[in-house]
Amino acid sequence: MKAKCLECEGEITIPDDVVEGEIVSCPDCGADFEVVEVSSGKVELKAAEMVGEDWGE
């Protein structure tokens, strides 16, 4: 499967066995995306949320 990068419009190759919640990266710009939905050969992506470590500060 193929998807279009939401940042740079590059092409992201999505593995056929991808599951919802998995993170994929754009090979062109390095942006990370979360797989939101997989249905009938199409995949929907959203920008992955970067959750920082909470060191108790």
C-alpha atoms as a PDB file:
ATOM      1  CA  MET A   1       0.000   0.000   0.000  1.00  0.00           C
ATOM      2  CA  LYS A   2       1.043   3.574  -0.552  1.00  0.00           C
ATOM      3  CA  ALA A   3       0.133   6.731   1.339  1.00  0.00           C
ATOM      4  CA  LYS A   4       1.009  10.377   0.815  1.00  0.00           C
ATOM      5  CA  CYS A   5       3.071  12.177   3.445  1.00  0.00           C
ATOM      6  CA  LEU A   6       1.023  14.909   5.115  1.00  0.00           C
ATOM      7  CA  GLU A   7       4.146  17.071   5.511  1.00  0.00           C
ATOM      8  CA  CYS A   8       6.089  16.888   2.243  1.00  0.00           C
ATOM      9  CA  GLU A   9       3.690  15.057  -0.122  1.00  0.00           C
ATOM     10  CA  GLY A  10       6.255  12.248  -0.474  1.00  0.00           C
ATOM     11  CA  GLU A  11       5.217   8.628  -0.940  1.00  0.00           C
ATOM     12  CA  ILE A  12       5.178   6.349   2.094  1.00  0.00           C
ATOM     13  CA  THR A  13       5.173   2.594   1.519  1.00  0.00           C
ATOM     14  CA  ILE A  14       2.869   0.946   4.038  1.00  0.00           C
ATOM     15  CA  PRO A  15       3.397  -2.764   4.856  1.00  0.00           C
ATOM     16  CA  ASP A  16       0.445  -5.012   3.933  1.00  0.00           C
ATOM     17  CA  ASP A  17       0.252  -6.295   7.531  1.00  0.00           C
ATOM     18  CA  VAL A  18       0.060  -2.825   9.119  1.00  0.00           C
ATOM     19  CA  VAL A  19      -2.335  -2.449  12.083  1.00  0.00           C
ATOM     20  CA  GLU A  20      -4.172   0.557  13.473  1.00  0.00           C
ATOM     21  CA  GLY A  21      -2.037   2.461  15.966  1.00  0.00           C
ATOM     22  CA  GLU A  22       1.240   1.540  14.252  1.00  0.00           C
ATOM     23  CA  ILE A  23       3.733   4.325  13.511  1.00  0.00           C
ATOM     24  CA  VAL A  24       5.140   4.756   9.998  1.00  0.00           C
ATOM     25  CA  SER A  25       7.777   7.249   8.853  1.00  0.00           C
ATOM     26  CA  CYS A  26       8.217   9.214   5.660  1.00  0.00           C
ATOM     27  CA  PRO A  27      11.472   8.218   3.950  1.00  0.00           C
ATOM     28  CA  ASP A  28      11.817  11.717   2.449  1.00  0.00           C
ATOM     29  CA  CYS A  29      11.328  14.086   5.405  1.00  0.00           C
ATOM     30  CA  GLY A  30      11.386  11.678   8.382  1.00  0.00           C
ATOM     31  CA  ALA A  31       7.987  12.729   9.753  1.00  0.00           C
ATOM     32  CA  ASP A  32       6.185  10.081  11.834  1.00  0.00           C
ATOM     33  CA  PHE A  33       2.526   9.225  11.334  1.00  0.00           C
ATOM     34  CA  GLU A  34       0.082   7.013  13.188  1.00  0.00           C
ATOM     35  CA  VAL A  35      -2.099   4.623  11.207  1.00  0.00           C
ATOM     36  CA  VAL A  36      -5.676   5.607  12.074  1.00  0.00           C
ATOM     37  CA  GLU A  37      -7.652   3.256   9.840  1.00  0.00           C
ATOM     38  CA  VAL A  38      -6.978   0.471   7.365  1.00  0.00           C
ATOM     39  CA  SER A  39      -9.802  -0.518   5.043  1.00  0.00           C
ATOM     40  CA  SER A  40     -10.043  -2.073   1.585  1.00  0.00           C
ATOM     41  CA  GLY A  41      -6.453  -1.392   0.606  1.00  0.00           C
ATOM     42  CA  LYS A  42      -6.433   2.213   1.811  1.00  0.00           C
ATOM     43  CA  VAL A  43      -4.793   3.610   4.899  1.00  0.00           C
ATOM     44  CA  GLU A  44      -5.558   6.811   6.797  1.00  0.00           C
ATOM     45  CA  LEU A  45      -2.709   8.576   8.604  1.00  0.00           C
ATOM     46  CA  LYS A  46      -2.487  11.343  11.187  1.00  0.00           C
ATOM     47  CA  ALA A  47       0.539  13.098  12.628  1.00  0.00           C
ATOM     48  CA  ALA A  48       2.031  11.004  15.425  1.00  0.00           C
ATOM     49  CA  GLU A  49       1.874  12.645  18.827  1.00  0.00           C
ATOM     50  CA  MET A  50       5.237  12.974  20.487  1.00  0.00           C
ATOM     51  CA  VAL A  51       4.735  12.173  24.151  1.00  0.00           C
ATOM     52  CA  GLY A  52       7.643  13.288  26.259  1.00  0.00           C
ATOM     53  CA  GLU A  53       8.943  11.481  29.313  1.00  0.00           C
ATOM     54  CA  ASP A  54       7.587  12.773  32.604  1.00  0.00           C
ATOM     55  CA  TRP A  55      10.516  12.873  34.979  1.00  0.00           C
ATOM     56  CA  GLY A  56       8.372  14.040  37.898  1.00  0.00           C
ATOM     57  CA  GLU A  57       9.242  17.702  37.490  1.00  0.00           C
END
